């Protein structure tokens, strides 16, 4: 404080009390950004899919939680999918600087891949039954280095004509690239053959 002359100090003649009040209100616009982009719907490719949901929060620590059991339990772990199937995801986000809880949902879906196995060949008529084996070497559609095991698939015939009936009882399975993990559930299979006896 200075006296009226503008130069002489007068601070000793006063006490001072400084107060203030700044009120910051919460925003009510917390929301997810392009949540639909988190969804996934493609055929099996042996890879893991699933991304974290993003919000429009500009400040504060946003907590994003996910539920894959219709809201019974929640976790901050981002849901992912690898094998054929469907994961329905609920997601919620909170932030101390926002008044609301953002909520949403999306789906992770991996469809099965079709394996097609086809072989055809011709054989000369002999009067006896002849058999054409259909093997994994005739397969198309496997993902990456995954391996098909196909047993007992064959077409047999005796008469001089075209035979296309694949014998019943054949079995199949698929293992992942590691050679041990079963991957059969990620596929459908169609086995056909054509044996022409002339």
C-alpha atoms as a PDB file:
ATOM      1  CA  UNK A   1       0.000   0.000   0.000  1.00  0.00           C
ATOM      2  CA  UNK A   2       1.276   3.503  -0.795  1.00  0.00           C
ATOM      3  CA  UNK A   3       0.026   6.793   0.598  1.00  0.00           C
ATOM      4  CA  UNK A   4      -1.777   9.402  -1.475  1.00  0.00           C
ATOM      5  CA  UNK A   5       1.442  10.920  -2.649  1.00  0.00           C
ATOM      6  CA  UNK A   6       2.004   7.732  -4.613  1.00  0.00           C
ATOM      7  CA  UNK A   7       5.443   7.020  -3.163  1.00  0.00           C
ATOM      8  CA  UNK A   8       5.344   6.751   0.650  1.00  0.00           C
ATOM      9  CA  UNK A   9       4.797   3.188   1.892  1.00  0.00           C
ATOM     10  CA  UNK A  10       1.685   2.716   4.035  1.00  0.00           C
ATOM     11  CA  UNK A  11       1.543  -1.112   4.237  1.00  0.00           C
ATOM     12  CA  UNK A  12       2.105  -1.099   8.027  1.00  0.00           C
ATOM     13  CA  UNK A  13      -1.250   0.613   8.510  1.00  0.00           C
ATOM     14  CA  UNK A  14      -3.279  -2.291   7.111  1.00  0.00           C
ATOM     15  CA  UNK A  15      -4.153  -5.929   7.541  1.00  0.00           C
ATOM     16  CA  UNK A  16      -5.363  -7.927   4.558  1.00  0.00           C
ATOM     17  CA  UNK A  17      -7.620 -10.943   4.048  1.00  0.00           C
ATOM     18  CA  UNK A  18      -7.591 -12.531   0.593  1.00  0.00           C
ATOM     19  CA  UNK A  19     -10.276 -15.085  -0.317  1.00  0.00           C
ATOM     20  CA  UNK A  20     -11.620 -16.586  -3.509  1.00  0.00           C
ATOM     21  CA  UNK A  21     -13.903 -19.337  -4.800  1.00  0.00           C
ATOM     22  CA  UNK A  22     -13.492 -21.065  -8.151  1.00  0.00           C
ATOM     23  CA  UNK A  23     -16.158 -23.649  -8.992  1.00  0.00           C
ATOM     24  CA  UNK A  24     -15.469 -26.074 -11.831  1.00  0.00           C
ATOM     25  CA  UNK A  25     -18.546 -28.053 -12.841  1.00  0.00           C
ATOM     26  CA  UNK A  26     -18.382 -31.484 -14.377  1.00  0.00           C
ATOM     27  CA  UNK A  27     -19.069 -31.886 -18.055  1.00  0.00           C
ATOM     28  CA  UNK A  28     -21.955 -34.162 -18.936  1.00  0.00           C
ATOM     29  CA  UNK A  29     -20.784 -35.175 -22.378  1.00  0.00           C
ATOM     30  CA  UNK A  30     -18.491 -38.173 -21.811  1.00  0.00           C
ATOM     31  CA  UNK A  31     -19.044 -40.520 -24.737  1.00  0.00           C
ATOM     32  CA  UNK A  32     -17.385 -43.212 -26.765  1.00  0.00           C
ATOM     33  CA  UNK A  33     -15.826 -42.310 -30.090  1.00  0.00           C
ATOM     34  CA  UNK A  34     -16.689 -44.578 -33.021  1.00  0.00           C
ATOM     35  CA  UNK A  35     -17.528 -47.511 -30.775  1.00  0.00           C
ATOM     36  CA  UNK A  36     -18.764 -49.428 -33.802  1.00  0.00           C
ATOM     37  CA  UNK A  37     -15.156 -49.588 -34.960  1.00  0.00           C
ATOM     38  CA  UNK A  38     -14.422 -51.865 -32.025  1.00  0.00           C
ATOM     39  CA  UNK A  39     -16.680 -54.541 -33.459  1.00  0.00           C
ATOM     40  CA  UNK A  40     -15.207 -57.360 -35.522  1.00  0.00           C
ATOM     41  CA  UNK A  41     -16.903 -59.728 -37.966  1.00  0.00           C
ATOM     42  CA  UNK A  42     -14.644 -61.723 -40.264  1.00  0.00           C
ATOM     43  CA  UNK A  43     -13.674 -65.332 -40.997  1.00  0.00           C
ATOM     44  CA  UNK A  44     -11.123 -67.143 -38.866  1.00  0.00           C
ATOM     45  CA  UNK A  45      -7.527 -66.130 -39.660  1.00  0.00           C
ATOM     46  CA  UNK A  46      -5.636 -67.551 -36.652  1.00  0.00           C
ATOM     47  CA  UNK A  47      -5.023 -64.049 -35.305  1.00  0.00           C
ATOM     48  CA  UNK A  48      -6.290 -62.338 -32.164  1.00  0.00           C
ATOM     49  CA  UNK A  49      -8.686 -59.417 -32.599  1.00  0.00           C
ATOM     50  CA  UNK A  50     -10.005 -56.792 -30.178  1.00  0.00           C
ATOM     51  CA  UNK A  51      -9.205 -53.133 -29.528  1.00  0.00           C
ATOM     52  CA  UNK A  52      -9.650 -50.787 -26.568  1.00  0.00           C
ATOM     53  CA  UNK A  53     -12.662 -48.473 -26.688  1.00  0.00           C
ATOM     54  CA  UNK A  54     -11.870 -44.763 -26.981  1.00  0.00           C
ATOM     55  CA  UNK A  55     -13.726 -41.835 -25.411  1.00  0.00           C
ATOM     56  CA  UNK A  56     -13.926 -38.119 -26.087  1.00  0.00           C
ATOM     57  CA  UNK A  57     -12.431 -37.202 -22.682  1.00  0.00           C
ATOM     58  CA  UNK A  58     -10.016 -34.282 -22.901  1.00  0.00           C
ATOM     59  CA  UNK A  59      -8.888 -34.229 -19.256  1.00  0.00           C
ATOM     60  CA  UNK A  60      -8.870 -36.495 -16.232  1.00  0.00           C
ATOM     61  CA  UNK A  61      -8.214 -40.199 -15.923  1.00  0.00           C
ATOM     62  CA  UNK A  62     -10.851 -42.172 -17.804  1.00  0.00           C
ATOM     63  CA  UNK A  63     -11.617 -45.669 -16.562  1.00  0.00           C
ATOM     64  CA  UNK A  64     -12.960 -47.999 -19.233  1.00  0.00           C
ATOM     65  CA  UNK A  65     -14.434 -51.340 -18.193  1.00  0.00           C
ATOM     66  CA  UNK A  66     -15.741 -54.273 -20.205  1.00  0.00           C
ATOM     67  CA  UNK A  67     -18.193 -57.078 -19.541  1.00  0.00           C
ATOM     68  CA  UNK A  68     -18.595 -60.259 -21.588  1.00  0.00           C
ATOM     69  CA  UNK A  69     -21.293 -61.783 -19.364  1.00  0.00           C
ATOM     70  CA  UNK A  70     -24.073 -59.243 -19.916  1.00  0.00           C
ATOM     71  CA  UNK A  71     -22.915 -56.971 -17.121  1.00  0.00           C
ATOM     72  CA  UNK A  72     -22.541 -59.552 -14.350  1.00  0.00           C
ATOM     73  CA  UNK A  73     -18.827 -58.795 -13.980  1.00  0.00           C
ATOM     74  CA  UNK A  74     -16.591 -56.005 -15.260  1.00  0.00           C
ATOM     75  CA  UNK A  75     -12.884 -55.770 -16.051  1.00  0.00           C
ATOM     76  CA  UNK A  76     -10.464 -53.254 -17.551  1.00  0.00           C
ATOM     77  CA  UNK A  77      -9.032 -56.061 -19.704  1.00  0.00           C
ATOM     78  CA  UNK A  78      -9.887 -55.498 -23.367  1.00  0.00           C
ATOM     79  CA  UNK A  79     -11.887 -58.481 -24.722  1.00  0.00           C
ATOM     80  CA  UNK A  80     -10.376 -60.335 -27.662  1.00  0.00           C
ATOM     81  CA  UNK A  81     -11.343 -63.193 -29.946  1.00  0.00           C
ATOM     82  CA  UNK A  82      -9.284 -65.687 -31.939  1.00  0.00           C
ATOM     83  CA  UNK A  83     -11.326 -68.812 -32.592  1.00  0.00           C
ATOM     84  CA  UNK A  84     -14.683 -69.078 -34.325  1.00  0.00           C
ATOM     85  CA  UNK A  85     -17.500 -67.814 -32.123  1.00  0.00           C
ATOM     86  CA  UNK A  86     -19.152 -64.669 -30.838  1.00  0.00           C
ATOM     87  CA  UNK A  87     -18.343 -62.402 -27.895  1.00  0.00           C
ATOM     88  CA  UNK A  88     -20.961 -59.808 -26.958  1.00  0.00           C
ATOM     89  CA  UNK A  89     -19.236 -56.917 -25.196  1.00  0.00           C
ATOM     90  CA  UNK A  90     -20.721 -54.275 -22.936  1.00  0.00           C
ATOM     91  CA  UNK A  91     -18.477 -51.304 -22.184  1.00  0.00           C
ATOM     92  CA  UNK A  92     -18.678 -48.389 -19.771  1.00  0.00           C
ATOM     93  CA  UNK A  93     -16.437 -45.431 -19.006  1.00  0.00           C
ATOM     94  CA  UNK A  94     -16.169 -43.010 -16.097  1.00  0.00           C
ATOM     95  CA  UNK A  95     -14.084 -39.883 -15.593  1.00  0.00           C
ATOM     96  CA  UNK A  96     -14.015 -37.602 -12.511  1.00  0.00           C
ATOM     97  CA  UNK A  97     -14.323 -34.566 -14.759  1.00  0.00           C
ATOM     98  CA  UNK A  98     -17.535 -35.768 -16.363  1.00  0.00           C
ATOM     99  CA  UNK A  99     -20.922 -36.181 -14.757  1.00  0.00           C
ATOM    100  CA  UNK A 100     -22.163 -39.195 -16.664  1.00  0.00           C
ATOM    101  CA  UNK A 101     -21.135 -42.790 -17.253  1.00  0.00           C
ATOM    102  CA  UNK A 102     -20.700 -43.529 -20.939  1.00  0.00           C
ATOM    103  CA  UNK A 103     -22.169 -46.875 -21.927  1.00  0.00           C
ATOM    104  CA  UNK A 104     -22.163 -48.914 -25.108  1.00  0.00           C
ATOM    105  CA  UNK A 105     -21.860 -52.371 -26.606  1.00  0.00           C
ATOM    106  CA  UNK A 106     -20.330 -54.123 -29.584  1.00  0.00           C
ATOM    107  CA  UNK A 107     -19.779 -57.630 -30.908  1.00  0.00           C
ATOM    108  CA  UNK A 108     -16.700 -59.657 -31.768  1.00  0.00           C
ATOM    109  CA  UNK A 109     -17.510 -62.413 -34.237  1.00  0.00           C
ATOM    110  CA  UNK A 110     -15.273 -64.897 -36.017  1.00  0.00           C
ATOM    111  CA  UNK A 111     -16.943 -67.170 -38.563  1.00  0.00           C
ATOM    112  CA  UNK A 112     -15.767 -70.616 -39.606  1.00  0.00           C
ATOM    113  CA  UNK A 113     -13.679 -71.140 -42.709  1.00  0.00           C
ATOM    114  CA  UNK A 114     -14.787 -73.666 -45.311  1.00  0.00           C
ATOM    115  CA  UNK A 115     -12.392 -76.440 -46.279  1.00  0.00           C
ATOM    116  CA  UNK A 116     -13.083 -77.989 -49.650  1.00  0.00           C
ATOM    117  CA  UNK A 117     -11.586 -81.368 -50.450  1.00  0.00           C
ATOM    118  CA  UNK A 118     -12.010 -82.691 -53.976  1.00  0.00           C
ATOM    119  CA  UNK A 119     -10.321 -85.317 -56.063  1.00  0.00           C
ATOM    120  CA  UNK A 120     -11.125 -86.884 -59.381  1.00  0.00           C
ATOM    121  CA  UNK A 121      -9.396 -89.551 -61.389  1.00  0.00           C
ATOM    122  CA  UNK A 122     -10.006 -92.148 -64.079  1.00  0.00           C
ATOM    123  CA  UNK A 123      -9.293 -95.842 -63.932  1.00  0.00           C
ATOM    124  CA  UNK A 124      -9.558 -98.608 -66.499  1.00  0.00           C
ATOM    125  CA  UNK A 125     -12.317-101.172 -65.981  1.00  0.00           C
ATOM    126  CA  UNK A 126     -11.033-104.396 -64.392  1.00  0.00           C
ATOM    127  CA  UNK A 127     -14.210-106.120 -63.269  1.00  0.00           C
ATOM    128  CA  UNK A 128     -13.165-105.698 -59.630  1.00  0.00           C
ATOM    129  CA  UNK A 129     -13.893-102.895 -57.174  1.00  0.00           C
ATOM    130  CA  UNK A 130     -11.464-100.022 -57.395  1.00  0.00           C
ATOM    131  CA  UNK A 131     -10.919 -97.234 -54.875  1.00  0.00           C
ATOM    132  CA  UNK A 132      -9.779 -93.645 -55.082  1.00  0.00           C
ATOM    133  CA  UNK A 133      -8.547 -92.236 -51.776  1.00  0.00           C
ATOM    134  CA  UNK A 134      -9.279 -88.594 -50.984  1.00  0.00           C
ATOM    135  CA  UNK A 135      -6.561 -87.118 -48.801  1.00  0.00           C
ATOM    136  CA  UNK A 136      -5.515 -83.886 -47.147  1.00  0.00           C
ATOM    137  CA  UNK A 137      -3.383 -83.171 -50.198  1.00  0.00           C
ATOM    138  CA  UNK A 138      -6.608 -82.474 -52.075  1.00  0.00           C
ATOM    139  CA  UNK A 139      -7.752 -79.834 -49.569  1.00  0.00           C
ATOM    140  CA  UNK A 140      -8.106 -76.089 -50.035  1.00  0.00           C
ATOM    141  CA  UNK A 141      -9.026 -73.411 -47.526  1.00  0.00           C
ATOM    142  CA  UNK A 142      -6.758 -74.086 -44.569  1.00  0.00           C
ATOM    143  CA  UNK A 143      -5.453 -70.986 -42.802  1.00  0.00           C
ATOM    144  CA  UNK A 144      -1.704 -70.458 -42.753  1.00  0.00           C
ATOM    145  CA  UNK A 145       0.270 -73.491 -41.672  1.00  0.00           C
ATOM    146  CA  UNK A 146      -2.647 -75.283 -40.016  1.00  0.00           C
ATOM    147  CA  UNK A 147      -2.828 -78.971 -40.845  1.00  0.00           C
ATOM    148  CA  UNK A 148      -5.751 -81.172 -41.866  1.00  0.00           C
ATOM    149  CA  UNK A 149      -5.995 -84.825 -40.903  1.00  0.00           C
ATOM    150  CA  UNK A 150      -8.455 -86.718 -43.114  1.00  0.00           C
ATOM    151  CA  UNK A 151      -9.005 -90.434 -42.691  1.00  0.00           C
ATOM    152  CA  UNK A 152     -11.178 -92.897 -44.578  1.00  0.00           C
ATOM    153  CA  UNK A 153     -12.475 -90.603 -47.298  1.00  0.00           C
ATOM    154  CA  UNK A 154     -12.748 -92.528 -50.541  1.00  0.00           C
ATOM    155  CA  UNK A 155     -14.861 -93.256 -53.583  1.00  0.00           C
ATOM    156  CA  UNK A 156     -15.143 -96.849 -54.781  1.00  0.00           C
ATOM    157  CA  UNK A 157     -16.715 -98.511 -57.788  1.00  0.00           C
ATOM    158  CA  UNK A 158     -16.735-101.534 -60.028  1.00  0.00           C
ATOM    159  CA  UNK A 159     -18.944-100.709 -63.001  1.00  0.00           C
ATOM    160  CA  UNK A 160     -17.697 -98.706 -65.948  1.00  0.00           C
ATOM    161  CA  UNK A 161     -19.268 -95.356 -65.121  1.00  0.00           C
ATOM    162  CA  UNK A 162     -18.760 -92.279 -62.949  1.00  0.00           C
ATOM    163  CA  UNK A 163     -18.818 -92.851 -59.189  1.00  0.00           C
ATOM    164  CA  UNK A 164     -19.196 -89.872 -56.814  1.00  0.00           C
ATOM    165  CA  UNK A 165     -20.433 -91.359 -53.565  1.00  0.00           C
ATOM    166  CA  UNK A 166     -17.925 -90.770 -50.765  1.00  0.00           C
ATOM    167  CA  UNK A 167     -17.882 -93.692 -48.354  1.00  0.00           C
ATOM    168  CA  UNK A 168     -19.396 -93.010 -44.950  1.00  0.00           C
ATOM    169  CA  UNK A 169     -17.396 -93.063 -41.749  1.00  0.00           C
ATOM    170  CA  UNK A 170     -14.543 -90.764 -42.710  1.00  0.00           C
ATOM    171  CA  UNK A 171     -13.160 -88.510 -39.997  1.00  0.00           C
ATOM    172  CA  UNK A 172     -11.275 -85.232 -39.947  1.00  0.00           C
ATOM    173  CA  UNK A 173      -9.566 -82.767 -37.650  1.00  0.00           C
ATOM    174  CA  UNK A 174      -7.367 -79.679 -37.920  1.00  0.00           C
ATOM    175  CA  UNK A 175      -4.435 -78.677 -35.758  1.00  0.00           C
ATOM    176  CA  UNK A 176      -2.992 -75.178 -35.461  1.00  0.00           C
ATOM    177  CA  UNK A 177       0.454 -74.251 -36.710  1.00  0.00           C
ATOM    178  CA  UNK A 178       2.036 -75.405 -33.444  1.00  0.00           C
ATOM    179  CA  UNK A 179       1.112 -78.958 -34.433  1.00  0.00           C
ATOM    180  CA  UNK A 180      -0.763 -79.761 -31.217  1.00  0.00           C
ATOM    181  CA  UNK A 181      -3.587 -77.280 -30.554  1.00  0.00           C
ATOM    182  CA  UNK A 182      -6.921 -78.386 -31.991  1.00  0.00           C
ATOM    183  CA  UNK A 183      -8.444 -75.975 -34.507  1.00  0.00           C
ATOM    184  CA  UNK A 184     -11.269 -78.140 -35.882  1.00  0.00           C
ATOM    185  CA  UNK A 185     -13.950 -75.837 -34.474  1.00  0.00           C
ATOM    186  CA  UNK A 186     -12.746 -73.072 -36.766  1.00  0.00           C
ATOM    187  CA  UNK A 187     -13.709 -74.930 -39.931  1.00  0.00           C
ATOM    188  CA  UNK A 188     -16.429 -76.639 -41.876  1.00  0.00           C
ATOM    189  CA  UNK A 189     -15.483 -79.297 -44.410  1.00  0.00           C
ATOM    190  CA  UNK A 190     -16.939 -80.561 -47.665  1.00  0.00           C
ATOM    191  CA  UNK A 191     -15.429 -83.742 -49.095  1.00  0.00           C
ATOM    192  CA  UNK A 192     -16.224 -84.754 -52.655  1.00  0.00           C
ATOM    193  CA  UNK A 193     -14.744 -87.080 -55.232  1.00  0.00           C
ATOM    194  CA  UNK A 194     -15.255 -88.313 -58.763  1.00  0.00           C
ATOM    195  CA  UNK A 195     -14.010 -91.696 -59.876  1.00  0.00           C
ATOM    196  CA  UNK A 196     -14.543 -92.485 -63.544  1.00  0.00           C
ATOM    197  CA  UNK A 197     -14.106 -96.093 -64.609  1.00  0.00           C
ATOM    198  CA  UNK A 198     -13.902 -96.569 -68.358  1.00  0.00           C
END
